[in-house]
Amino acid sequence: MVENKNTKPPLSKDLLISDAVSLYPEVVPIFMEYGLHCVGCFISDSETILEGSLAHGMSEAEVDNMILDAKEAIEAKNK
């Protein structure tokens, strides 16, 4: 992943799980709470948040809610 030193890509369901965890470690408990337990799995390097979530039986609506909760955690940390 190429990243500008001053900006991070926004959290989205299209971000690789490993990138999300690396860039925003505060999302780990939220992902775990929703059932996305592959935050440290070798698959996380090649699977997006959406792909991993669907593989774990989540609906797209649940993924959207998880992303919203994760964004709130990121925002709270940055205050």
PDB file of N, CA and C in Angstrom:
ATOM      1  N   MET A   1       0.838  -1.171   0.000  1.00  0.00           N
ATOM      2  CA  MET A   1       0.000   0.000   0.000  1.00  0.00           C
ATOM      3  C   MET A   1       0.889   1.241   0.000  1.00  0.00           C
ATOM      4  N   VAL A   2       0.612   2.156  -0.890  1.00  0.00           N
ATOM      5  CA  VAL A   2       1.330   3.418  -0.942  1.00  0.00           C
ATOM      6  C   VAL A   2       0.540   4.432  -0.143  1.00  0.00           C
ATOM      7  N   GLU A   3       1.242   5.140   0.713  1.00  0.00           N
ATOM      8  CA  GLU A   3       0.547   6.068   1.596  1.00  0.00           C
ATOM      9  C   GLU A   3       1.329   7.366   1.697  1.00  0.00           C
ATOM     10  N   ASN A   4       0.657   8.477   1.562  1.00  0.00           N
ATOM     11  CA  ASN A   4       1.256   9.772   1.814  1.00  0.00           C
ATOM     12  C   ASN A   4       1.549   9.843   3.305  1.00  0.00           C
ATOM     13  N   LYS A   5       2.708  10.355   3.668  1.00  0.00           N
ATOM     14  CA  LYS A   5       3.108  10.385   5.074  1.00  0.00           C
ATOM     15  C   LYS A   5       2.146  11.191   5.947  1.00  0.00           C
ATOM     16  N   ASN A   6       1.415  12.129   5.338  1.00  0.00           N
ATOM     17  CA  ASN A   6       0.551  12.999   6.117  1.00  0.00           C
ATOM     18  C   ASN A   6      -0.901  12.569   6.149  1.00  0.00           C
ATOM     19  N   THR A   7      -1.281  11.619   5.319  1.00  0.00           N
ATOM     20  CA  THR A   7      -2.682  11.216   5.287  1.00  0.00           C
ATOM     21  C   THR A   7      -2.815   9.703   5.321  1.00  0.00           C
ATOM     22  N   LYS A   8      -3.883   9.276   5.888  1.00  0.00           N
ATOM     23  CA  LYS A   8      -4.230   7.857   5.899  1.00  0.00           C
ATOM     24  C   LYS A   8      -5.444   7.692   5.011  1.00  0.00           C
ATOM     25  N   PRO A   9      -5.556   6.537   4.362  1.00  0.00           N
ATOM     26  CA  PRO A   9      -6.796   6.308   3.628  1.00  0.00           C
ATOM     27  C   PRO A   9      -7.942   6.189   4.624  1.00  0.00           C
ATOM     28  N   PRO A  10      -9.101   6.665   4.264  1.00  0.00           N
ATOM     29  CA  PRO A  10     -10.233   6.554   5.194  1.00  0.00           C
ATOM     30  C   PRO A  10     -10.637   5.094   5.385  1.00  0.00           C
ATOM     31  N   LEU A  11     -11.157   4.802   6.550  1.00  0.00           N
ATOM     32  CA  LEU A  11     -11.662   3.465   6.808  1.00  0.00           C
ATOM     33  C   LEU A  11     -12.877   3.222   5.927  1.00  0.00           C
ATOM     34  N   SER A  12     -12.843   2.130   5.201  1.00  0.00           N
ATOM     35  CA  SER A  12     -13.982   1.735   4.373  1.00  0.00           C
ATOM     36  C   SER A  12     -13.997   0.223   4.283  1.00  0.00           C
ATOM     37  N   LYS A  13     -15.116  -0.314   3.845  1.00  0.00           N
ATOM     38  CA  LYS A  13     -15.224  -1.765   3.739  1.00  0.00           C
ATOM     39  C   LYS A  13     -14.356  -2.326   2.625  1.00  0.00           C
ATOM     40  N   ASP A  14     -13.790  -1.462   1.781  1.00  0.00           N
ATOM     41  CA  ASP A  14     -12.908  -1.901   0.704  1.00  0.00           C
ATOM     42  C   ASP A  14     -11.434  -1.916   1.107  1.00  0.00           C
ATOM     43  N   LEU A  15     -11.133  -1.494   2.325  1.00  0.00           N
ATOM     44  CA  LEU A  15      -9.766  -1.495   2.835  1.00  0.00           C
ATOM     45  C   LEU A  15      -9.395  -2.917   3.271  1.00  0.00           C
ATOM     46  N   LEU A  16      -8.156  -3.322   3.000  1.00  0.00           N
ATOM     47  CA  LEU A  16      -7.714  -4.630   3.485  1.00  0.00           C
ATOM     48  C   LEU A  16      -7.804  -4.660   5.008  1.00  0.00           C
ATOM     49  N   ILE A  17      -8.158  -5.801   5.547  1.00  0.00           N
ATOM     50  CA  ILE A  17      -8.275  -5.939   7.004  1.00  0.00           C
ATOM     51  C   ILE A  17      -6.956  -5.583   7.672  1.00  0.00           C
ATOM     52  N   SER A  18      -5.856  -6.099   7.149  1.00  0.00           N
ATOM     53  CA  SER A  18      -4.542  -5.835   7.761  1.00  0.00           C
ATOM     54  C   SER A  18      -4.205  -4.348   7.736  1.00  0.00           C
ATOM     55  N   ASP A  19      -4.558  -3.651   6.667  1.00  0.00           N
ATOM     56  CA  ASP A  19      -4.312  -2.210   6.597  1.00  0.00           C
ATOM     57  C   ASP A  19      -5.162  -1.462   7.611  1.00  0.00           C
ATOM     58  N   ALA A  20      -6.419  -1.852   7.739  1.00  0.00           N
ATOM     59  CA  ALA A  20      -7.310  -1.202   8.704  1.00  0.00           C
ATOM     60  C   ALA A  20      -6.764  -1.349  10.120  1.00  0.00           C
ATOM     61  N   VAL A  21      -6.318  -2.541  10.458  1.00  0.00           N
ATOM     62  CA  VAL A  21      -5.797  -2.825  11.803  1.00  0.00           C
ATOM     63  C   VAL A  21      -4.484  -2.080  12.041  1.00  0.00           C
ATOM     64  N   SER A  22      -3.649  -2.036  11.027  1.00  0.00           N
ATOM     65  CA  SER A  22      -2.365  -1.353  11.146  1.00  0.00           C
ATOM     66  C   SER A  22      -2.543   0.160  11.261  1.00  0.00           C
ATOM     67  N   LEU A  23      -3.426   0.722  10.462  1.00  0.00           N
ATOM     68  CA  LEU A  23      -3.637   2.167  10.460  1.00  0.00           C
ATOM     69  C   LEU A  23      -4.499   2.644  11.614  1.00  0.00           C
ATOM     70  N   TYR A  24      -5.452   1.820  12.001  1.00  0.00           N
ATOM     71  CA  TYR A  24      -6.440   2.199  13.016  1.00  0.00           C
ATOM     72  C   TYR A  24      -6.603   1.066  14.039  1.00  0.00           C
ATOM     73  N   PRO A  25      -5.618   0.847  14.905  1.00  0.00           N
ATOM     74  CA  PRO A  25      -5.708  -0.273  15.861  1.00  0.00           C
ATOM     75  C   PRO A  25      -6.918  -0.223  16.779  1.00  0.00           C
ATOM     76  N   GLU A  26      -7.493   0.957  16.941  1.00  0.00           N
ATOM     77  CA  GLU A  26      -8.670   1.083  17.802  1.00  0.00           C
ATOM     78  C   GLU A  26      -9.899   0.369  17.237  1.00  0.00           C
ATOM     79  N   VAL A  27      -9.848  -0.069  15.977  1.00  0.00           N
ATOM     80  CA  VAL A  27     -10.988  -0.787  15.392  1.00  0.00           C
ATOM     81  C   VAL A  27     -11.010  -2.265  15.771  1.00  0.00           C
ATOM     82  N   VAL A  28      -9.899  -2.788  16.272  1.00  0.00           N
ATOM     83  CA  VAL A  28      -9.817  -4.228  16.562  1.00  0.00           C
ATOM     84  C   VAL A  28     -10.935  -4.700  17.490  1.00  0.00           C
ATOM     85  N   PRO A  29     -11.171  -4.051  18.641  1.00  0.00           N
ATOM     86  CA  PRO A  29     -12.252  -4.547  19.517  1.00  0.00           C
ATOM     87  C   PRO A  29     -13.624  -4.504  18.846  1.00  0.00           C
ATOM     88  N   ILE A  30     -13.834  -3.520  17.992  1.00  0.00           N
ATOM     89  CA  ILE A  30     -15.124  -3.411  17.304  1.00  0.00           C
ATOM     90  C   ILE A  30     -15.275  -4.546  16.302  1.00  0.00           C
ATOM     91  N   PHE A  31     -14.237  -4.800  15.520  1.00  0.00           N
ATOM     92  CA  PHE A  31     -14.281  -5.913  14.568  1.00  0.00           C
ATOM     93  C   PHE A  31     -14.531  -7.226  15.306  1.00  0.00           C
ATOM     94  N   MET A  32     -13.844  -7.425  16.420  1.00  0.00           N
ATOM     95  CA  MET A  32     -14.004  -8.655  17.195  1.00  0.00           C
ATOM     96  C   MET A  32     -15.433  -8.775  17.729  1.00  0.00           C
ATOM     97  N   GLU A  33     -15.984  -7.679  18.201  1.00  0.00           N
ATOM     98  CA  GLU A  33     -17.355  -7.681  18.741  1.00  0.00           C
ATOM     99  C   GLU A  33     -18.372  -8.090  17.672  1.00  0.00           C
ATOM    100  N   TYR A  34     -18.129  -7.671  16.447  1.00  0.00           N
ATOM    101  CA  TYR A  34     -19.031  -8.001  15.346  1.00  0.00           C
ATOM    102  C   TYR A  34     -18.793  -9.409  14.791  1.00  0.00           C
ATOM    103  N   GLY A  35     -17.714 -10.065  15.215  1.00  0.00           N
ATOM    104  CA  GLY A  35     -17.442 -11.416  14.749  1.00  0.00           C
ATOM    105  C   GLY A  35     -16.385 -11.505  13.673  1.00  0.00           C
ATOM    106  N   LEU A  36     -15.718 -10.389  13.372  1.00  0.00           N
ATOM    107  CA  LEU A  36     -14.626 -10.401  12.400  1.00  0.00           C
ATOM    108  C   LEU A  36     -13.335 -10.669  13.174  1.00  0.00           C
ATOM    109  N   HIS A  37     -13.076 -11.949  13.426  1.00  0.00           N
ATOM    110  CA  HIS A  37     -11.959 -12.348  14.279  1.00  0.00           C
ATOM    111  C   HIS A  37     -10.655 -12.543  13.515  1.00  0.00           C
ATOM    112  N   CYS A  38     -10.643 -12.254  12.240  1.00  0.00           N
ATOM    113  CA  CYS A  38      -9.446 -12.517  11.433  1.00  0.00           C
ATOM    114  C   CYS A  38      -8.507 -11.317  11.389  1.00  0.00           C
ATOM    115  N   VAL A  39      -8.506 -10.492  12.423  1.00  0.00           N
ATOM    116  CA  VAL A  39      -7.679  -9.295  12.431  1.00  0.00           C
ATOM    117  C   VAL A  39      -6.187  -9.628  12.406  1.00  0.00           C
ATOM    118  N   GLY A  40      -5.792 -10.791  12.862  1.00  0.00           N
ATOM    119  CA  GLY A  40      -4.387 -11.186  12.833  1.00  0.00           C
ATOM    120  C   GLY A  40      -4.117 -12.371  11.938  1.00  0.00           C
ATOM    121  N   CYS A  41      -5.101 -12.807  11.221  1.00  0.00           N
ATOM    122  CA  CYS A  41      -5.012 -13.988  10.356  1.00  0.00           C
ATOM    123  C   CYS A  41      -4.208 -13.672   9.094  1.00  0.00           C
ATOM    124  N   PHE A  42      -3.565 -14.679   8.531  1.00  0.00           N
ATOM    125  CA  PHE A  42      -2.781 -14.474   7.309  1.00  0.00           C
ATOM    126  C   PHE A  42      -3.651 -14.029   6.144  1.00  0.00           C
ATOM    127  N   ILE A  43      -4.920 -14.336   6.158  1.00  0.00           N
ATOM    128  CA  ILE A  43      -5.836 -13.932   5.096  1.00  0.00           C
ATOM    129  C   ILE A  43      -6.072 -12.419   5.127  1.00  0.00           C
ATOM    130  N   SER A  44      -5.872 -11.791   6.278  1.00  0.00           N
ATOM    131  CA  SER A  44      -6.162 -10.366   6.410  1.00  0.00           C
ATOM    132  C   SER A  44      -5.308  -9.495   5.486  1.00  0.00           C
ATOM    133  N   ASP A  45      -4.199 -10.053   4.985  1.00  0.00           N
ATOM    134  CA  ASP A  45      -3.343  -9.320   4.050  1.00  0.00           C
ATOM    135  C   ASP A  45      -3.911  -9.278   2.635  1.00  0.00           C
ATOM    136  N   SER A  46      -4.888 -10.122   2.365  1.00  0.00           N
ATOM    137  CA  SER A  46      -5.411 -10.183   1.000  1.00  0.00           C
ATOM    138  C   SER A  46      -6.931 -10.078   0.931  1.00  0.00           C
ATOM    139  N   GLU A  47      -7.563  -9.859   2.071  1.00  0.00           N
ATOM    140  CA  GLU A  47      -9.022  -9.811   2.107  1.00  0.00           C
ATOM    141  C   GLU A  47      -9.483  -8.450   2.622  1.00  0.00           C
ATOM    142  N   THR A  48     -10.464  -7.871   1.939  1.00  0.00           N
ATOM    143  CA  THR A  48     -11.014  -6.603   2.403  1.00  0.00           C
ATOM    144  C   THR A  48     -11.924  -6.846   3.613  1.00  0.00           C
ATOM    145  N   ILE A  49     -12.252  -5.764   4.272  1.00  0.00           N
ATOM    146  CA  ILE A  49     -13.176  -5.856   5.409  1.00  0.00           C
ATOM    147  C   ILE A  49     -14.497  -6.473   4.951  1.00  0.00           C
ATOM    148  N   LEU A  50     -14.982  -6.045   3.807  1.00  0.00           N
ATOM    149  CA  LEU A  50     -16.238  -6.593   3.288  1.00  0.00           C
ATOM    150  C   LEU A  50     -16.116  -8.081   3.000  1.00  0.00           C
ATOM    151  N   GLU A  51     -15.063  -8.477   2.306  1.00  0.00           N
ATOM    152  CA  GLU A  51     -14.888  -9.900   1.970  1.00  0.00           C
ATOM    153  C   GLU A  51     -14.796 -10.763   3.220  1.00  0.00           C
ATOM    154  N   GLY A  52     -14.001 -10.327   4.189  1.00  0.00           N
ATOM    155  CA  GLY A  52     -13.851 -11.089   5.426  1.00  0.00           C
ATOM    156  C   GLY A  52     -15.140 -11.170   6.211  1.00  0.00           C
ATOM    157  N   SER A  53     -15.857 -10.063   6.246  1.00  0.00           N
ATOM    158  CA  SER A  53     -17.118 -10.026   6.989  1.00  0.00           C
ATOM    159  C   SER A  53     -18.162 -10.937   6.365  1.00  0.00           C
ATOM    160  N   LEU A  54     -18.282 -10.881   5.054  1.00  0.00           N
ATOM    161  CA  LEU A  54     -19.244 -11.759   4.373  1.00  0.00           C
ATOM    162  C   LEU A  54     -18.867 -13.224   4.566  1.00  0.00           C
ATOM    163  N   ALA A  55     -17.566 -13.523   4.557  1.00  0.00           N
ATOM    164  CA  ALA A  55     -17.104 -14.898   4.770  1.00  0.00           C
ATOM    165  C   ALA A  55     -17.441 -15.393   6.177  1.00  0.00           C
ATOM    166  N   HIS A  56     -17.576 -14.454   7.107  1.00  0.00           N
ATOM    167  CA  HIS A  56     -17.937 -14.810   8.483  1.00  0.00           C
ATOM    168  C   HIS A  56     -19.438 -14.723   8.724  1.00  0.00           C
ATOM    169  N   GLY A  57     -20.217 -14.606   7.651  1.00  0.00           N
ATOM    170  CA  GLY A  57     -21.669 -14.674   7.762  1.00  0.00           C
ATOM    171  C   GLY A  57     -22.374 -13.371   8.061  1.00  0.00           C
ATOM    172  N   MET A  58     -21.668 -12.266   7.987  1.00  0.00           N
ATOM    173  CA  MET A  58     -22.304 -10.981   8.247  1.00  0.00           C
ATOM    174  C   MET A  58     -23.052 -10.512   7.000  1.00  0.00           C
ATOM    175  N   SER A  59     -24.095  -9.755   7.205  1.00  0.00           N
ATOM    176  CA  SER A  59     -24.808  -9.132   6.084  1.00  0.00           C
ATOM    177  C   SER A  59     -24.102  -7.817   5.736  1.00  0.00           C
ATOM    178  N   GLU A  60     -24.411  -7.286   4.564  1.00  0.00           N
ATOM    179  CA  GLU A  60     -23.808  -5.999   4.195  1.00  0.00           C
ATOM    180  C   GLU A  60     -24.266  -4.892   5.140  1.00  0.00           C
ATOM    181  N   ALA A  61     -25.486  -4.984   5.636  1.00  0.00           N
ATOM    182  CA  ALA A  61     -25.982  -3.991   6.602  1.00  0.00           C
ATOM    183  C   ALA A  61     -25.159  -4.053   7.894  1.00  0.00           C
ATOM    184  N   GLU A  62     -24.839  -5.258   8.353  1.00  0.00           N
ATOM    185  CA  GLU A  62     -24.000  -5.404   9.548  1.00  0.00           C
ATOM    186  C   GLU A  62     -22.605  -4.829   9.311  1.00  0.00           C
ATOM    187  N   VAL A  63     -22.073  -5.053   8.118  1.00  0.00           N
ATOM    188  CA  VAL A  63     -20.757  -4.502   7.775  1.00  0.00           C
ATOM    189  C   VAL A  63     -20.812  -2.978   7.822  1.00  0.00           C
ATOM    190  N   ASP A  64     -21.855  -2.408   7.241  1.00  0.00           N
ATOM    191  CA  ASP A  64     -22.015  -0.952   7.261  1.00  0.00           C
ATOM    192  C   ASP A  64     -22.081  -0.425   8.690  1.00  0.00           C
ATOM    193  N   ASN A  65     -22.822  -1.114   9.562  1.00  0.00           N
ATOM    194  CA  ASN A  65     -22.917  -0.700  10.969  1.00  0.00           C
ATOM    195  C   ASN A  65     -21.571  -0.825  11.671  1.00  0.00           C
ATOM    196  N   MET A  66     -20.835  -1.895  11.371  1.00  0.00           N
ATOM    197  CA  MET A  66     -19.515  -2.096  11.970  1.00  0.00           C
ATOM    198  C   MET A  66     -18.573  -0.960  11.555  1.00  0.00           C
ATOM    199  N   ILE A  67     -18.614  -0.592  10.278  1.00  0.00           N
ATOM    200  CA  ILE A  67     -17.762   0.487   9.781  1.00  0.00           C
ATOM    201  C   ILE A  67     -18.133   1.803  10.478  1.00  0.00           C
ATOM    202  N   LEU A  68     -19.406   2.065  10.629  1.00  0.00           N
ATOM    203  CA  LEU A  68     -19.840   3.289  11.329  1.00  0.00           C
ATOM    204  C   LEU A  68     -19.335   3.307  12.773  1.00  0.00           C
ATOM    205  N   ASP A  69     -19.464   2.180  13.471  1.00  0.00           N
ATOM    206  CA  ASP A  69     -18.977   2.096  14.851  1.00  0.00           C
ATOM    207  C   ASP A  69     -17.460   2.274  14.905  1.00  0.00           C
ATOM    208  N   ALA A  70     -16.762   1.679  13.943  1.00  0.00           N
ATOM    209  CA  ALA A  70     -15.307   1.799  13.898  1.00  0.00           C
ATOM    210  C   ALA A  70     -14.887   3.243  13.628  1.00  0.00           C
ATOM    211  N   LYS A  71     -15.596   3.917  12.738  1.00  0.00           N
ATOM    212  CA  LYS A  71     -15.290   5.322  12.457  1.00  0.00           C
ATOM    213  C   LYS A  71     -15.515   6.185  13.692  1.00  0.00           C
ATOM    214  N   GLU A  72     -16.528   5.880  14.474  1.00  0.00           N
ATOM    215  CA  GLU A  72     -16.772   6.607  15.721  1.00  0.00           C
ATOM    216  C   GLU A  72     -15.617   6.412  16.693  1.00  0.00           C
ATOM    217  N   ALA A  73     -15.091   5.187  16.756  1.00  0.00           N
ATOM    218  CA  ALA A  73     -13.948   4.911  17.637  1.00  0.00           C
ATOM    219  C   ALA A  73     -12.710   5.675  17.169  1.00  0.00           C
ATOM    220  N   ILE A  74     -12.508   5.739  15.879  1.00  0.00           N
ATOM    221  CA  ILE A  74     -11.366   6.483  15.330  1.00  0.00           C
ATOM    222  C   ILE A  74     -11.509   7.970  15.658  1.00  0.00           C
ATOM    223  N   GLU A  75     -12.712   8.480  15.453  1.00  0.00           N
ATOM    224  CA  GLU A  75     -12.984   9.889  15.737  1.00  0.00           C
ATOM    225  C   GLU A  75     -12.771  10.207  17.221  1.00  0.00           C
ATOM    226  N   ALA A  76     -13.241   9.332  18.086  1.00  0.00           N
ATOM    227  CA  ALA A  76     -13.084   9.538  19.537  1.00  0.00           C
ATOM    228  C   ALA A  76     -11.612   9.538  19.928  1.00  0.00           C
ATOM    229  N   LYS A  77     -10.828   8.677  19.306  1.00  0.00           N
ATOM    230  CA  LYS A  77      -9.398   8.610  19.614  1.00  0.00           C
ATOM    231  C   LYS A  77      -8.677   9.870  19.168  1.00  0.00           C
ATOM    232  N   ASN A  78      -9.126  10.458  18.079  1.00  0.00           N
ATOM    233  CA  ASN A  78      -8.469  11.633  17.517  1.00  0.00           C
ATOM    234  C   ASN A  78      -8.878  12.944  18.174  1.00  0.00           C
ATOM    235  N   LYS A  79      -9.802  12.894  19.113  1.00  0.00           N
ATOM    236  CA  LYS A  79     -10.233  14.127  19.806  1.00  0.00           C
ATOM    237  C   LYS A  79      -9.259  14.497  20.888  1.00  0.00           C
TER     238      LYS A  79
END
